[in-house]
N, C-alpha and C. Protein backbone atom coordinates (compact mmCIF):
# COMPACT_ATOMS: atom_id res chain seq x y z
N UNK A 1 -12.80 65.29 111.49
CA UNK A 1 -12.34 64.00 111.99
C UNK A 1 -12.59 63.91 113.49
N UNK A 2 -13.25 62.85 113.93
CA UNK A 2 -13.50 62.65 115.35
C UNK A 2 -12.18 62.40 116.08
N UNK A 3 -12.17 62.68 117.39
CA UNK A 3 -10.93 62.55 118.15
C UNK A 3 -10.43 61.10 118.17
N UNK A 4 -11.34 60.14 118.00
CA UNK A 4 -10.91 58.73 118.02
C UNK A 4 -10.70 58.17 116.61
N UNK A 5 -10.63 59.05 115.60
CA UNK A 5 -10.26 58.64 114.24
C UNK A 5 -8.74 58.76 114.09
N UNK A 6 -8.15 57.77 113.47
CA UNK A 6 -6.70 57.74 113.27
C UNK A 6 -6.39 57.38 111.82
N UNK A 7 -5.37 58.03 111.27
CA UNK A 7 -4.90 57.69 109.93
C UNK A 7 -3.38 57.68 109.96
N UNK A 8 -2.80 56.52 109.72
CA UNK A 8 -1.34 56.35 109.75
C UNK A 8 -0.86 55.82 108.40
N UNK A 9 0.25 56.34 107.94
CA UNK A 9 0.92 55.78 106.77
C UNK A 9 2.34 55.43 107.19
N UNK A 10 2.68 54.15 107.08
CA UNK A 10 3.99 53.65 107.48
C UNK A 10 4.78 53.26 106.24
N UNK A 11 6.05 53.65 106.21
CA UNK A 11 6.95 53.29 105.11
C UNK A 11 8.10 52.46 105.65
N UNK A 12 8.30 51.29 105.07
CA UNK A 12 9.49 50.48 105.35
C UNK A 12 10.26 50.31 104.04
N UNK A 13 11.57 50.36 104.11
CA UNK A 13 12.43 50.05 102.96
C UNK A 13 13.28 48.86 103.36
N UNK A 14 13.00 47.72 102.75
CA UNK A 14 13.58 46.46 103.19
C UNK A 14 14.30 45.79 102.04
N UNK A 15 15.53 45.33 102.28
CA UNK A 15 16.26 44.59 101.25
C UNK A 15 15.55 43.27 100.98
N UNK A 16 15.14 43.07 99.74
CA UNK A 16 14.44 41.85 99.38
C UNK A 16 13.44 42.10 98.28
N UNK A 17 12.84 41.03 97.80
CA UNK A 17 11.88 41.14 96.71
C UNK A 17 10.45 41.26 97.23
N UNK A 18 9.59 41.77 96.37
CA UNK A 18 8.19 41.87 96.77
C UNK A 18 7.61 40.48 97.06
N UNK A 19 8.07 39.47 96.33
CA UNK A 19 7.57 38.12 96.55
C UNK A 19 7.95 37.60 97.94
N UNK A 20 9.20 37.85 98.35
CA UNK A 20 9.63 37.40 99.68
C UNK A 20 8.77 38.03 100.77
N UNK A 21 8.55 39.33 100.64
CA UNK A 21 7.82 40.05 101.69
C UNK A 21 6.33 39.73 101.63
N UNK A 22 5.79 39.60 100.42
CA UNK A 22 4.38 39.23 100.29
C UNK A 22 4.12 37.86 100.91
N UNK A 23 5.07 36.94 100.77
CA UNK A 23 4.90 35.60 101.35
C UNK A 23 4.85 35.66 102.88
N UNK A 24 5.62 36.57 103.47
CA UNK A 24 5.62 36.70 104.93
C UNK A 24 4.34 37.38 105.40
N UNK A 25 3.99 38.52 104.79
CA UNK A 25 2.80 39.25 105.21
C UNK A 25 1.52 38.48 104.91
N UNK A 26 1.59 37.58 103.93
CA UNK A 26 0.41 36.81 103.56
C UNK A 26 0.16 35.58 104.42
N UNK A 27 0.97 35.40 105.47
CA UNK A 27 0.79 34.28 106.40
C UNK A 27 0.43 34.82 107.79
N UNK A 28 -0.77 35.33 107.98
CA UNK A 28 -1.10 35.96 109.27
C UNK A 28 -0.99 35.04 110.47
N UNK A 29 -1.17 33.73 110.28
CA UNK A 29 -1.10 32.82 111.43
C UNK A 29 0.32 32.73 111.99
N UNK A 30 1.32 33.17 111.23
CA UNK A 30 2.70 33.13 111.71
C UNK A 30 3.14 34.47 112.32
N UNK A 31 2.25 35.45 112.37
CA UNK A 31 2.61 36.75 112.96
C UNK A 31 3.10 36.60 114.40
N UNK A 32 2.51 35.68 115.15
CA UNK A 32 2.93 35.50 116.55
C UNK A 32 4.37 35.00 116.65
N UNK A 33 4.88 34.39 115.58
CA UNK A 33 6.25 33.88 115.59
C UNK A 33 7.25 34.98 115.24
N UNK A 34 6.99 35.74 114.17
CA UNK A 34 8.01 36.69 113.72
C UNK A 34 7.76 38.13 114.17
N UNK A 35 6.54 38.45 114.65
CA UNK A 35 6.24 39.81 115.14
C UNK A 35 5.57 39.70 116.51
N UNK A 36 6.21 39.02 117.47
CA UNK A 36 5.57 38.74 118.76
C UNK A 36 5.44 39.95 119.67
N UNK A 37 6.14 41.04 119.37
CA UNK A 37 6.00 42.25 120.18
C UNK A 37 4.58 42.78 120.12
N UNK A 38 3.89 42.51 119.03
CA UNK A 38 2.56 43.08 118.79
C UNK A 38 1.47 42.01 118.75
N UNK A 39 1.74 40.90 118.06
CA UNK A 39 0.70 39.88 117.83
C UNK A 39 0.79 38.79 118.89
N UNK A 40 -0.17 38.80 119.82
CA UNK A 40 -0.18 37.85 120.93
C UNK A 40 -0.93 36.58 120.60
N UNK A 41 -1.98 36.70 119.79
CA UNK A 41 -2.78 35.53 119.42
C UNK A 41 -3.44 35.79 118.07
N UNK A 42 -3.38 34.81 117.19
CA UNK A 42 -3.96 34.94 115.85
C UNK A 42 -4.65 33.63 115.50
N UNK A 43 -5.92 33.72 115.09
CA UNK A 43 -6.71 32.53 114.74
C UNK A 43 -7.45 32.79 113.44
N UNK A 44 -7.50 31.79 112.58
CA UNK A 44 -8.27 31.91 111.35
C UNK A 44 -9.72 31.55 111.62
N UNK A 45 -10.63 32.44 111.17
CA UNK A 45 -12.07 32.21 111.32
C UNK A 45 -12.66 31.64 110.03
N UNK A 46 -12.18 32.16 108.88
CA UNK A 46 -12.65 31.67 107.58
C UNK A 46 -11.47 31.72 106.61
N UNK A 47 -11.33 30.71 105.73
CA UNK A 47 -10.14 30.61 104.89
C UNK A 47 -10.11 31.52 103.67
N UNK A 48 -11.24 31.94 103.15
CA UNK A 48 -11.25 32.74 101.93
C UNK A 48 -11.04 31.89 100.69
N UNK A 49 -10.94 32.57 99.52
CA UNK A 49 -10.79 31.84 98.26
C UNK A 49 -9.31 31.55 97.98
N UNK A 50 -9.01 31.10 96.75
CA UNK A 50 -7.63 30.72 96.44
C UNK A 50 -6.66 31.89 96.41
N UNK A 51 -7.18 33.12 96.34
CA UNK A 51 -6.33 34.31 96.43
C UNK A 51 -6.29 34.88 97.84
N UNK A 52 -7.05 34.27 98.75
CA UNK A 52 -7.13 34.75 100.12
C UNK A 52 -8.24 35.76 100.34
N UNK A 53 -8.94 36.13 99.29
CA UNK A 53 -10.02 37.12 99.46
C UNK A 53 -11.16 36.48 100.24
N UNK A 54 -11.64 37.21 101.24
CA UNK A 54 -12.68 36.69 102.13
C UNK A 54 -12.13 36.03 103.38
N UNK A 55 -10.81 35.86 103.45
CA UNK A 55 -10.21 35.24 104.64
C UNK A 55 -10.44 36.14 105.85
N UNK A 56 -10.87 35.54 106.96
CA UNK A 56 -11.15 36.30 108.19
C UNK A 56 -10.21 35.80 109.28
N UNK A 57 -9.56 36.76 109.94
CA UNK A 57 -8.60 36.48 111.00
C UNK A 57 -9.02 37.20 112.28
N UNK A 58 -8.91 36.49 113.39
CA UNK A 58 -9.22 37.00 114.73
C UNK A 58 -7.88 37.22 115.44
N UNK A 59 -7.67 38.42 116.00
CA UNK A 59 -6.37 38.76 116.57
C UNK A 59 -6.47 39.42 117.94
N UNK A 60 -5.43 39.19 118.74
CA UNK A 60 -5.21 39.96 119.97
C UNK A 60 -3.84 40.61 119.81
N UNK A 61 -3.80 41.93 119.91
CA UNK A 61 -2.55 42.67 119.70
C UNK A 61 -2.27 43.60 120.87
N UNK A 62 -1.01 44.04 120.92
CA UNK A 62 -0.58 44.92 122.02
C UNK A 62 0.58 45.78 121.54
N UNK A 63 0.66 47.00 122.05
CA UNK A 63 1.82 47.85 121.82
C UNK A 63 2.62 47.94 123.11
N UNK A 64 3.25 49.09 123.34
CA UNK A 64 3.99 49.25 124.60
C UNK A 64 3.10 49.77 125.73
N UNK A 65 1.89 50.25 125.39
CA UNK A 65 0.94 50.66 126.41
C UNK A 65 0.29 49.43 127.04
N UNK A 66 -0.18 49.54 128.31
CA UNK A 66 -0.65 48.35 129.03
C UNK A 66 -2.10 47.98 128.74
N UNK A 67 -2.45 47.81 127.48
CA UNK A 67 -3.77 47.30 127.13
C UNK A 67 -3.64 46.46 125.86
N UNK A 68 -4.58 45.55 125.67
CA UNK A 68 -4.61 44.74 124.46
C UNK A 68 -5.80 45.15 123.61
N UNK A 69 -5.75 44.79 122.34
CA UNK A 69 -6.82 45.06 121.40
C UNK A 69 -7.27 43.75 120.77
N UNK A 70 -8.57 43.53 120.74
CA UNK A 70 -9.14 42.34 120.10
C UNK A 70 -9.86 42.82 118.85
N UNK A 71 -9.43 42.31 117.72
CA UNK A 71 -10.05 42.75 116.47
C UNK A 71 -9.97 41.66 115.40
N UNK A 72 -10.72 41.87 114.36
CA UNK A 72 -10.79 40.94 113.24
C UNK A 72 -10.44 41.68 111.96
N UNK A 73 -9.94 40.94 111.00
CA UNK A 73 -9.85 41.55 109.67
C UNK A 73 -10.28 40.55 108.61
N UNK A 74 -10.80 41.11 107.52
CA UNK A 74 -11.19 40.32 106.35
C UNK A 74 -10.42 40.88 105.15
N UNK A 75 -9.79 40.00 104.38
CA UNK A 75 -9.11 40.43 103.15
C UNK A 75 -10.18 40.72 102.11
N UNK A 76 -10.18 41.95 101.59
CA UNK A 76 -11.19 42.35 100.61
C UNK A 76 -10.64 42.45 99.20
N UNK A 77 -9.33 42.65 99.06
CA UNK A 77 -8.68 42.69 97.75
C UNK A 77 -7.29 42.07 97.90
N UNK A 78 -6.83 41.40 96.85
CA UNK A 78 -5.49 40.82 96.87
C UNK A 78 -4.87 40.94 95.48
N UNK A 79 -3.63 41.42 95.44
CA UNK A 79 -2.91 41.58 94.19
C UNK A 79 -1.49 41.08 94.39
N UNK A 80 -1.36 39.77 94.62
CA UNK A 80 -0.05 39.19 94.89
C UNK A 80 0.89 39.42 93.71
N UNK A 81 2.14 39.83 93.95
CA UNK A 81 2.80 40.06 95.25
C UNK A 81 2.83 41.54 95.64
N UNK A 82 1.92 42.33 95.08
CA UNK A 82 2.01 43.78 95.27
C UNK A 82 1.16 44.33 96.41
N UNK A 83 0.51 43.44 97.14
CA UNK A 83 -0.20 43.90 98.33
C UNK A 83 -1.62 43.39 98.43
N UNK A 84 -2.30 43.86 99.46
CA UNK A 84 -3.69 43.47 99.69
C UNK A 84 -4.37 44.52 100.54
N UNK A 85 -5.68 44.44 100.55
CA UNK A 85 -6.50 45.39 101.31
C UNK A 85 -7.35 44.60 102.29
N UNK A 86 -7.57 45.17 103.47
CA UNK A 86 -8.38 44.50 104.48
C UNK A 86 -9.34 45.46 105.14
N UNK A 87 -10.43 44.91 105.64
CA UNK A 87 -11.34 45.68 106.50
C UNK A 87 -11.22 45.13 107.91
N UNK A 88 -11.26 46.03 108.89
CA UNK A 88 -11.08 45.63 110.29
C UNK A 88 -12.30 46.02 111.11
N UNK A 89 -12.58 45.19 112.14
CA UNK A 89 -13.64 45.54 113.07
C UNK A 89 -13.33 44.90 114.42
N UNK A 90 -13.96 45.45 115.45
CA UNK A 90 -13.71 44.99 116.82
C UNK A 90 -13.39 46.19 117.68
N UNK A 91 -12.22 46.17 118.35
CA UNK A 91 -11.83 47.31 119.18
C UNK A 91 -11.51 48.54 118.34
N UNK A 92 -11.26 48.34 117.05
CA UNK A 92 -11.28 49.46 116.11
C UNK A 92 -11.87 48.99 114.79
N UNK A 93 -12.35 49.96 114.03
CA UNK A 93 -13.05 49.67 112.78
C UNK A 93 -12.48 50.54 111.68
N UNK A 94 -12.22 49.93 110.53
CA UNK A 94 -11.69 50.71 109.43
C UNK A 94 -11.10 49.82 108.36
N UNK A 95 -10.02 50.31 107.74
CA UNK A 95 -9.41 49.54 106.67
C UNK A 95 -7.90 49.74 106.65
N UNK A 96 -7.22 48.72 106.12
CA UNK A 96 -5.77 48.79 105.97
C UNK A 96 -5.39 48.39 104.55
N UNK A 97 -4.37 49.04 104.01
CA UNK A 97 -3.89 48.72 102.67
C UNK A 97 -2.39 48.50 102.72
N UNK A 98 -1.95 47.28 102.43
CA UNK A 98 -0.53 46.96 102.29
C UNK A 98 -0.16 47.08 100.82
N UNK A 99 0.87 47.87 100.50
CA UNK A 99 1.35 48.03 99.13
C UNK A 99 2.84 47.73 99.10
N UNK A 100 3.27 46.88 98.16
CA UNK A 100 4.67 46.51 98.02
C UNK A 100 5.16 46.95 96.64
N UNK A 101 6.25 47.73 96.63
CA UNK A 101 6.81 48.24 95.37
C UNK A 101 8.28 47.87 95.31
N UNK A 102 8.68 47.19 94.25
CA UNK A 102 10.09 46.85 94.07
C UNK A 102 10.86 48.08 93.63
N UNK A 103 11.94 48.39 94.34
CA UNK A 103 12.80 49.52 93.99
C UNK A 103 14.24 49.02 93.99
N UNK A 104 14.67 48.48 92.85
CA UNK A 104 15.99 47.88 92.78
C UNK A 104 16.05 46.67 93.69
N UNK A 105 17.10 46.58 94.54
CA UNK A 105 17.21 45.42 95.43
C UNK A 105 16.32 45.51 96.67
N UNK A 106 15.65 46.64 96.82
CA UNK A 106 14.81 46.85 98.02
C UNK A 106 13.33 46.83 97.66
N UNK A 107 12.53 46.58 98.66
CA UNK A 107 11.08 46.71 98.52
C UNK A 107 10.61 47.84 99.42
N UNK A 108 9.82 48.73 98.83
CA UNK A 108 9.16 49.78 99.61
C UNK A 108 7.82 49.21 100.07
N UNK A 109 7.69 49.05 101.38
CA UNK A 109 6.46 48.53 101.98
C UNK A 109 5.69 49.71 102.55
N UNK A 110 4.46 49.88 102.11
CA UNK A 110 3.62 50.99 102.58
C UNK A 110 2.39 50.40 103.25
N UNK A 111 2.11 50.86 104.47
CA UNK A 111 0.88 50.43 105.14
C UNK A 111 0.04 51.66 105.43
N UNK A 112 -1.12 51.72 104.82
CA UNK A 112 -2.06 52.83 104.99
C UNK A 112 -3.20 52.32 105.87
N UNK A 113 -3.26 52.83 107.09
CA UNK A 113 -4.16 52.31 108.13
C UNK A 113 -5.08 53.42 108.58
N UNK A 114 -6.37 53.31 108.28
CA UNK A 114 -7.35 54.34 108.63
C UNK A 114 -8.45 53.69 109.45
N UNK A 115 -8.54 54.09 110.71
CA UNK A 115 -9.46 53.41 111.63
C UNK A 115 -10.15 54.41 112.57
N UNK A 116 -11.22 53.92 113.17
CA UNK A 116 -11.86 54.60 114.30
C UNK A 116 -11.71 53.68 115.50
N UNK A 117 -11.08 54.17 116.56
CA UNK A 117 -10.83 53.36 117.76
C UNK A 117 -12.11 53.31 118.59
N UNK A 118 -12.66 52.10 118.74
CA UNK A 118 -13.92 51.94 119.47
C UNK A 118 -13.77 51.21 120.80
N UNK A 119 -12.57 50.76 121.13
CA UNK A 119 -12.35 50.23 122.48
C UNK A 119 -12.67 51.35 123.46
N UNK A 120 -13.49 51.11 124.50
CA UNK A 120 -13.91 52.21 125.37
C UNK A 120 -12.77 53.09 125.88
N UNK A 121 -11.65 52.50 126.26
CA UNK A 121 -10.50 53.28 126.73
C UNK A 121 -10.04 54.27 125.68
N UNK A 122 -9.91 53.81 124.44
CA UNK A 122 -9.41 54.68 123.36
C UNK A 122 -10.47 55.69 122.94
N UNK A 123 -11.70 55.25 122.85
CA UNK A 123 -12.78 56.16 122.44
C UNK A 123 -12.95 57.28 123.46
N UNK A 124 -12.85 56.96 124.74
CA UNK A 124 -13.08 57.95 125.79
C UNK A 124 -11.93 58.93 125.92
N UNK A 125 -10.68 58.44 125.81
CA UNK A 125 -9.53 59.29 126.12
C UNK A 125 -8.74 59.77 124.91
N UNK A 126 -9.20 59.46 123.71
CA UNK A 126 -8.45 59.91 122.52
C UNK A 126 -8.34 61.42 122.46
N UNK A 127 -9.37 62.14 122.92
CA UNK A 127 -9.32 63.61 122.85
C UNK A 127 -8.14 64.17 123.65
N UNK A 128 -7.72 63.43 124.67
CA UNK A 128 -6.64 63.87 125.54
C UNK A 128 -5.31 63.17 125.24
N UNK A 129 -5.38 61.89 124.95
CA UNK A 129 -4.16 61.07 124.86
C UNK A 129 -3.86 60.60 123.43
N UNK A 130 -4.45 61.25 122.44
CA UNK A 130 -4.25 60.82 121.06
C UNK A 130 -2.77 60.74 120.67
N UNK A 131 -1.93 61.71 121.05
CA UNK A 131 -0.51 61.59 120.69
C UNK A 131 0.16 60.34 121.29
N UNK A 132 -0.25 59.97 122.51
CA UNK A 132 0.33 58.78 123.14
C UNK A 132 -0.17 57.51 122.45
N UNK A 133 -1.47 57.47 122.10
CA UNK A 133 -1.99 56.31 121.38
C UNK A 133 -1.34 56.20 120.00
N UNK A 134 -1.09 57.35 119.36
CA UNK A 134 -0.42 57.35 118.06
C UNK A 134 1.02 56.85 118.20
N UNK A 135 1.71 57.28 119.27
CA UNK A 135 3.09 56.82 119.51
C UNK A 135 3.11 55.31 119.71
N UNK A 136 2.07 54.78 120.34
CA UNK A 136 1.96 53.33 120.54
C UNK A 136 1.92 52.61 119.19
N UNK A 137 1.15 53.15 118.25
CA UNK A 137 1.09 52.56 116.91
C UNK A 137 2.45 52.65 116.21
N UNK A 138 3.10 53.81 116.28
CA UNK A 138 4.39 53.98 115.61
C UNK A 138 5.43 53.00 116.19
N UNK A 139 5.39 52.81 117.50
CA UNK A 139 6.30 51.84 118.13
C UNK A 139 6.03 50.44 117.58
N UNK A 140 4.75 50.06 117.50
CA UNK A 140 4.38 48.73 117.00
C UNK A 140 4.88 48.52 115.58
N UNK A 141 4.74 49.53 114.73
CA UNK A 141 5.17 49.38 113.34
C UNK A 141 6.69 49.36 113.24
N UNK A 142 7.38 50.09 114.10
CA UNK A 142 8.86 50.05 114.09
C UNK A 142 9.35 48.65 114.46
N UNK A 143 8.69 48.02 115.45
CA UNK A 143 9.09 46.66 115.80
C UNK A 143 8.78 45.70 114.64
N UNK A 144 7.73 46.01 113.88
CA UNK A 144 7.40 45.19 112.72
C UNK A 144 8.48 45.23 111.66
N UNK A 145 9.04 46.40 111.42
CA UNK A 145 10.11 46.51 110.42
C UNK A 145 11.34 45.71 110.88
N UNK A 146 11.72 45.87 112.15
CA UNK A 146 12.85 45.11 112.69
C UNK A 146 12.59 43.61 112.59
N UNK A 147 11.38 43.19 112.96
CA UNK A 147 11.03 41.78 112.95
C UNK A 147 10.99 41.22 111.53
N UNK A 148 10.53 42.02 110.58
CA UNK A 148 10.49 41.57 109.19
C UNK A 148 11.90 41.33 108.65
N UNK A 149 12.82 42.23 108.97
CA UNK A 149 14.21 42.05 108.53
C UNK A 149 14.80 40.75 109.11
N UNK A 150 14.51 40.49 110.38
CA UNK A 150 15.01 39.27 111.01
C UNK A 150 14.38 38.02 110.40
N UNK A 151 13.08 38.10 110.09
CA UNK A 151 12.42 36.95 109.48
C UNK A 151 12.97 36.67 108.09
N UNK A 152 13.26 37.72 107.33
CA UNK A 152 13.88 37.53 106.01
C UNK A 152 15.25 36.86 106.17
N UNK A 153 16.03 37.30 107.15
CA UNK A 153 17.35 36.70 107.38
C UNK A 153 17.21 35.23 107.78
N UNK A 154 16.20 34.91 108.59
CA UNK A 154 15.99 33.52 109.00
C UNK A 154 15.64 32.65 107.79
N UNK A 155 14.77 33.16 106.93
CA UNK A 155 14.36 32.37 105.76
C UNK A 155 15.49 32.19 104.76
N UNK A 156 16.43 33.13 104.74
CA UNK A 156 17.54 33.04 103.80
C UNK A 156 18.73 32.27 104.36
N UNK A 157 18.70 31.96 105.64
CA UNK A 157 19.84 31.28 106.28
C UNK A 157 20.14 29.96 105.56
N UNK A 158 21.42 29.70 105.36
CA UNK A 158 21.84 28.51 104.61
C UNK A 158 22.03 27.28 105.49
N UNK A 159 21.97 27.46 106.80
CA UNK A 159 22.12 26.32 107.71
C UNK A 159 21.36 26.60 109.00
N UNK A 160 21.12 25.55 109.74
CA UNK A 160 20.44 25.71 111.04
C UNK A 160 21.31 26.52 112.00
N UNK A 161 22.63 26.33 111.91
CA UNK A 161 23.54 27.09 112.78
C UNK A 161 23.45 28.58 112.47
N UNK A 162 23.40 28.91 111.19
CA UNK A 162 23.28 30.32 110.79
C UNK A 162 21.94 30.90 111.26
N UNK A 163 20.91 30.06 111.18
CA UNK A 163 19.58 30.52 111.59
C UNK A 163 19.51 30.75 113.10
N UNK A 164 20.05 29.84 113.87
CA UNK A 164 19.97 29.97 115.33
C UNK A 164 20.90 31.07 115.86
N UNK A 165 21.88 31.50 115.05
CA UNK A 165 22.77 32.58 115.48
C UNK A 165 22.09 33.95 115.41
N UNK A 166 20.97 34.02 114.69
CA UNK A 166 20.26 35.30 114.56
C UNK A 166 19.55 35.63 115.88
N UNK A 167 19.47 36.92 116.23
CA UNK A 167 18.75 37.28 117.46
C UNK A 167 17.25 37.04 117.29
N UNK A 168 16.53 36.82 118.37
CA UNK A 168 15.07 36.68 118.28
C UNK A 168 14.44 38.03 117.97
N UNK A 169 13.22 38.01 117.46
CA UNK A 169 12.54 39.29 117.23
C UNK A 169 12.19 39.96 118.55
N UNK A 170 11.97 41.28 118.53
CA UNK A 170 11.57 41.96 119.77
C UNK A 170 10.29 41.34 120.32
N UNK A 171 10.25 41.18 121.63
CA UNK A 171 9.08 40.59 122.28
C UNK A 171 8.16 41.66 122.84
N UNK A 172 7.02 41.25 123.37
CA UNK A 172 6.09 42.23 123.96
C UNK A 172 6.69 42.92 125.17
N UNK A 173 6.29 44.15 125.38
CA UNK A 173 6.78 44.91 126.53
C UNK A 173 6.00 44.50 127.77
N UNK A 174 6.62 44.71 128.90
CA UNK A 174 5.91 44.46 130.17
C UNK A 174 5.26 45.76 130.61
N UNK A 175 4.22 45.64 131.42
CA UNK A 175 3.55 46.83 131.95
C UNK A 175 4.47 47.63 132.86
N UNK A 176 5.48 46.98 133.43
CA UNK A 176 6.39 47.67 134.33
C UNK A 176 7.10 48.81 133.60
N UNK A 177 7.49 48.58 132.33
CA UNK A 177 8.14 49.62 131.56
C UNK A 177 7.22 50.82 131.39
N UNK A 178 5.94 50.55 131.10
CA UNK A 178 4.98 51.65 130.93
C UNK A 178 4.89 52.48 132.20
N UNK A 179 4.77 51.81 133.35
CA UNK A 179 4.61 52.56 134.59
C UNK A 179 5.89 53.31 134.96
N UNK A 180 7.04 52.76 134.64
CA UNK A 180 8.29 53.49 134.87
C UNK A 180 8.36 54.74 134.00
N UNK A 181 7.97 54.61 132.73
CA UNK A 181 7.97 55.78 131.85
C UNK A 181 6.94 56.80 132.30
N UNK A 182 5.78 56.33 132.74
CA UNK A 182 4.75 57.25 133.23
C UNK A 182 5.23 58.00 134.46
N UNK A 183 5.86 57.29 135.39
CA UNK A 183 6.38 57.94 136.60
C UNK A 183 7.45 58.97 136.24
N UNK A 184 8.31 58.63 135.29
CA UNK A 184 9.35 59.57 134.86
C UNK A 184 8.73 60.81 134.24
N UNK A 185 7.70 60.62 133.41
CA UNK A 185 7.03 61.75 132.76
C UNK A 185 6.35 62.65 133.79
N UNK A 186 5.67 62.04 134.76
CA UNK A 186 5.01 62.82 135.81
C UNK A 186 6.04 63.60 136.62
N UNK A 187 7.17 62.97 136.92
CA UNK A 187 8.23 63.65 137.66
C UNK A 187 8.76 64.85 136.89
N UNK A 188 9.00 64.67 135.60
CA UNK A 188 9.53 65.76 134.77
C UNK A 188 8.52 66.90 134.67
N UNK A 189 7.24 66.56 134.47
CA UNK A 189 6.21 67.60 134.40
C UNK A 189 6.10 68.35 135.72
N UNK A 190 6.15 67.61 136.83
CA UNK A 190 6.10 68.25 138.14
C UNK A 190 7.29 69.17 138.37
N UNK A 191 8.48 68.73 137.95
CA UNK A 191 9.68 69.55 138.10
C UNK A 191 9.58 70.81 137.27
N UNK A 192 9.09 70.70 136.04
CA UNK A 192 8.94 71.89 135.18
C UNK A 192 7.94 72.88 135.77
N UNK A 193 6.83 72.36 136.31
CA UNK A 193 5.85 73.24 136.94
C UNK A 193 6.44 73.93 138.17
N UNK A 194 7.19 73.18 138.97
CA UNK A 194 7.82 73.74 140.15
C UNK A 194 8.78 74.87 139.76
N UNK A 195 9.61 74.62 138.77
CA UNK A 195 10.58 75.64 138.33
C UNK A 195 9.88 76.87 137.76
N UNK A 196 8.78 76.63 137.06
CA UNK A 196 8.04 77.76 136.47
C UNK A 196 7.47 78.66 137.56
N UNK A 197 6.83 78.06 138.57
CA UNK A 197 6.23 78.86 139.63
C UNK A 197 7.27 79.46 140.56
N UNK A 198 8.43 78.83 140.65
CA UNK A 198 9.49 79.36 141.50
C UNK A 198 10.04 80.67 140.95
N UNK A 199 10.02 80.79 139.61
CA UNK A 199 10.53 82.02 138.98
C UNK A 199 9.63 83.22 139.19
N UNK A 200 8.36 82.95 139.51
CA UNK A 200 7.42 84.06 139.67
C UNK A 200 7.61 84.82 140.97
């Protein structure tokens, strides 16, 4: 596996039916509304057939690291309400598989994401910073689970008052947070090195 190859499997366990969750995940143009921490801009390029197969979406996404990713996906398989498969290209290339399994009152949501990062920053520094880039993905998916739960609550709300009482989904991080965390990490590493050499 090349240093810029990534394979992630995410598991969410969410109260609700596969139909409820499939309806949310199957509306990519609304990602900017319910998952704004990650999806900054989403545009449809091609509509696809009546099952959504062939649909092409253009996206700009971001994690907690201070860079954005521009990529496209095409739906290649659809099995409503049990999931769909997509191929991705742009700043990364590969495939994603969403699988929804009903388990009593909950749905097990599985996302299998296998890509090669081709954005120059990621391609060049993956050999060194792969754990940090991976942490960025895990953070993005964690915000997705939180945002999905909130979106389900919004859709189930029985009144506008109940809906507006819900908190908003997590929003995108600012670069200031990244630089503060980086400065803290550098300080801690410097302190550890200082203490290590002081003992000698």
